[in-house]
C-alpha atoms as a PDB file:
ATOM      1  CA  MET A   1      14.475  21.950 -10.326  1.00  0.00           C
ATOM      2  CA  ALA A   2      11.185  20.542  -8.310  1.00  0.00           C
ATOM      3  CA  VAL A   3      10.846  17.449  -6.839  1.00  0.00           C
ATOM      4  CA  ASP A   4       8.223  15.330  -8.096  1.00  0.00           C
ATOM      5  CA  TRP A   5       6.459  13.927  -4.687  1.00  0.00           C
ATOM      6  CA  ARG A   6       4.248  11.628  -5.981  1.00  0.00           C
ATOM      7  CA  LYS A   7       7.030   9.085  -6.746  1.00  0.00           C
ATOM      8  CA  ASN A   8       7.481   8.574  -3.206  1.00  0.00           C
ATOM      9  CA  PHE A   9       3.713   7.213  -3.026  1.00  0.00           C
ATOM     10  CA  ASP A  10       4.519   4.689  -6.279  1.00  0.00           C
ATOM     11  CA  LEU A  11       2.584   1.832  -5.229  1.00  0.00           C
ATOM     12  CA  LYS A  12       3.854   0.129  -8.230  1.00  0.00           C
ATOM     13  CA  HIS A  13       7.100  -0.005  -7.154  1.00  0.00           C
ATOM     14  CA  PRO A  14       9.199  -3.464  -8.269  1.00  0.00           C
ATOM     15  CA  SER A  15       9.562  -4.434  -4.672  1.00  0.00           C
ATOM     16  CA  LEU A  16       5.445  -3.954  -4.023  1.00  0.00           C
ATOM     17  CA  LYS A  17       5.256  -7.287  -6.543  1.00  0.00           C
ATOM     18  CA  PRO A  18       5.377 -10.401  -4.319  1.00  0.00           C
ATOM     19  CA  LEU A  19       1.920 -10.976  -2.558  1.00  0.00           C
ATOM     20  CA  TRP A  20       3.357 -11.474   0.787  1.00  0.00           C
ATOM     21  CA  VAL A  21       4.871  -7.868   0.897  1.00  0.00           C
ATOM     22  CA  ARG A  22       1.524  -6.362  -0.475  1.00  0.00           C
ATOM     23  CA  ILE A  23      -0.398  -8.407   2.236  1.00  0.00           C
ATOM     24  CA  LEU A  24       2.204  -7.057   5.100  1.00  0.00           C
ATOM     25  CA  ALA A  25       1.835  -3.730   3.902  1.00  0.00           C
ATOM     26  CA  VAL A  26      -1.716  -3.223   4.094  1.00  0.00           C
ATOM     27  CA  VAL A  27      -2.143  -5.764   7.545  1.00  0.00           C
ATOM     28  CA  LEU A  28       0.432  -3.409   8.874  1.00  0.00           C
ATOM     29  CA  SER A  29      -1.179   0.006   8.421  1.00  0.00           C
ATOM     30  CA  ALA A  30      -4.413  -1.456   9.123  1.00  0.00           C
ATOM     31  CA  GLY A  31      -3.377  -2.619  12.237  1.00  0.00           C
ATOM     32  CA  TRP A  32      -1.371   0.603  13.116  1.00  0.00           C
ATOM     33  CA  ALA A  33      -4.606   2.498  12.613  1.00  0.00           C
ATOM     34  CA  ILE A  34      -6.454   0.038  15.089  1.00  0.00           C
ATOM     35  CA  ALA A  35      -3.109   0.686  17.786  1.00  0.00           C
ATOM     36  CA  GLU A  36      -4.136   4.270  17.433  1.00  0.00           C
ATOM     37  CA  LEU A  37      -7.804   3.750  18.128  1.00  0.00           C
ATOM     38  CA  PHE A  38      -7.040   1.731  21.483  1.00  0.00           C
ATOM     39  CA  ILE A  39      -4.582   4.217  22.653  1.00  0.00           C
ATOM     40  CA  GLY A  40      -6.963   7.043  21.830  1.00  0.00           C
ATOM     41  CA  SER A  41      -5.670   9.139  19.330  1.00  0.00           C
ATOM     42  CA  PRO A  42      -8.376   8.788  16.307  1.00  0.00           C
ATOM     43  CA  PHE A  43      -6.751  11.836  14.571  1.00  0.00           C
ATOM     44  CA  TRP A  44      -3.775   9.537  13.494  1.00  0.00           C
ATOM     45  CA  ALA A  45      -5.926   6.379  13.202  1.00  0.00           C
ATOM     46  CA  ILE A  46      -7.721   7.952  10.374  1.00  0.00           C
ATOM     47  CA  PRO A  47      -5.074   8.417   7.963  1.00  0.00           C
ATOM     48  CA  PHE A  48      -3.517   5.249   8.689  1.00  0.00           C
ATOM     49  CA  ALA A  49      -7.023   3.424   7.777  1.00  0.00           C
ATOM     50  CA  VAL A  50      -7.271   5.496   4.590  1.00  0.00           C
ATOM     51  CA  ALA A  51      -3.748   4.406   3.375  1.00  0.00           C
ATOM     52  CA  ALA A  52      -4.860   0.845   3.907  1.00  0.00           C
ATOM     53  CA  LEU A  53      -7.935   1.199   2.230  1.00  0.00           C
ATOM     54  CA  TYR A  54      -6.171   2.651  -0.503  1.00  0.00           C
ATOM     55  CA  MET A  55      -3.436   0.113  -0.676  1.00  0.00           C
ATOM     56  CA  ALA A  56      -5.969  -2.905  -0.701  1.00  0.00           C
ATOM     57  CA  TYR A  57      -7.457  -1.287  -3.183  1.00  0.00           C
ATOM     58  CA  VAL A  58      -4.706  -0.968  -5.772  1.00  0.00           C
ATOM     59  CA  PHE A  59      -3.322  -3.803  -4.679  1.00  0.00           C
ATOM     60  CA  PHE A  60      -6.250  -6.074  -4.703  1.00  0.00           C
ATOM     61  CA  LEU A  61      -9.301  -4.739  -6.366  1.00  0.00           C
ATOM     62  CA  SER A  62      -7.878  -1.624  -9.015  1.00  0.00           C
ATOM     63  CA  PRO A  63      -8.201  -3.050 -12.730  1.00  0.00           C
ATOM     64  CA  ASP A  64      -4.482  -2.289 -12.783  1.00  0.00           C
ATOM     65  CA  ARG A  65      -4.158  -5.090 -10.134  1.00  0.00           C
ATOM     66  CA  HIS A  66      -2.723  -7.056 -13.495  1.00  0.00           C
ATOM     67  CA  TYR A  67       0.096  -5.446 -13.158  1.00  0.00           C
ATOM     68  CA  PHE A  68       1.363  -7.308 -10.061  1.00  0.00           C
ATOM     69  CA  ASN A  69       1.079 -10.849 -11.365  1.00  0.00           C
ATOM     70  CA  GLU A  70       3.371 -10.274 -14.842  1.00  0.00           C
ATOM     71  CA  PRO A  71       6.998 -11.152 -14.341  1.00  0.00           C
ATOM     72  CA  THR A  72       9.586  -8.838 -13.220  1.00  0.00           C
ATOM     73  CA  GLU A  73      11.866  -9.737 -15.751  1.00  0.00           C
ATOM     74  CA  PRO A  74      10.995 -10.178 -19.831  1.00  0.00           C
ATOM     75  CA  GLY A  75      12.325 -13.398 -20.000  1.00  0.00           C
ATOM     76  CA  ALA A  76      10.613 -14.668 -16.881  1.00  0.00           C
END
């Protein structure tokens, strides 16, 4: 029985629909990348910066961004 690891990186999870949560995720990841640069660890700054850029693209620029503006419940 294989575990699908891609489910752990699902950026279309319902908990990520509120705008403030998406902004917070991008800001925290980018901030951590900057913190890693300041403490002299560019190796760890790169993955956090890439994560922040990828989340910003998916949340705010991608063609599928309309998903985050749809209501969470069918009747809402």
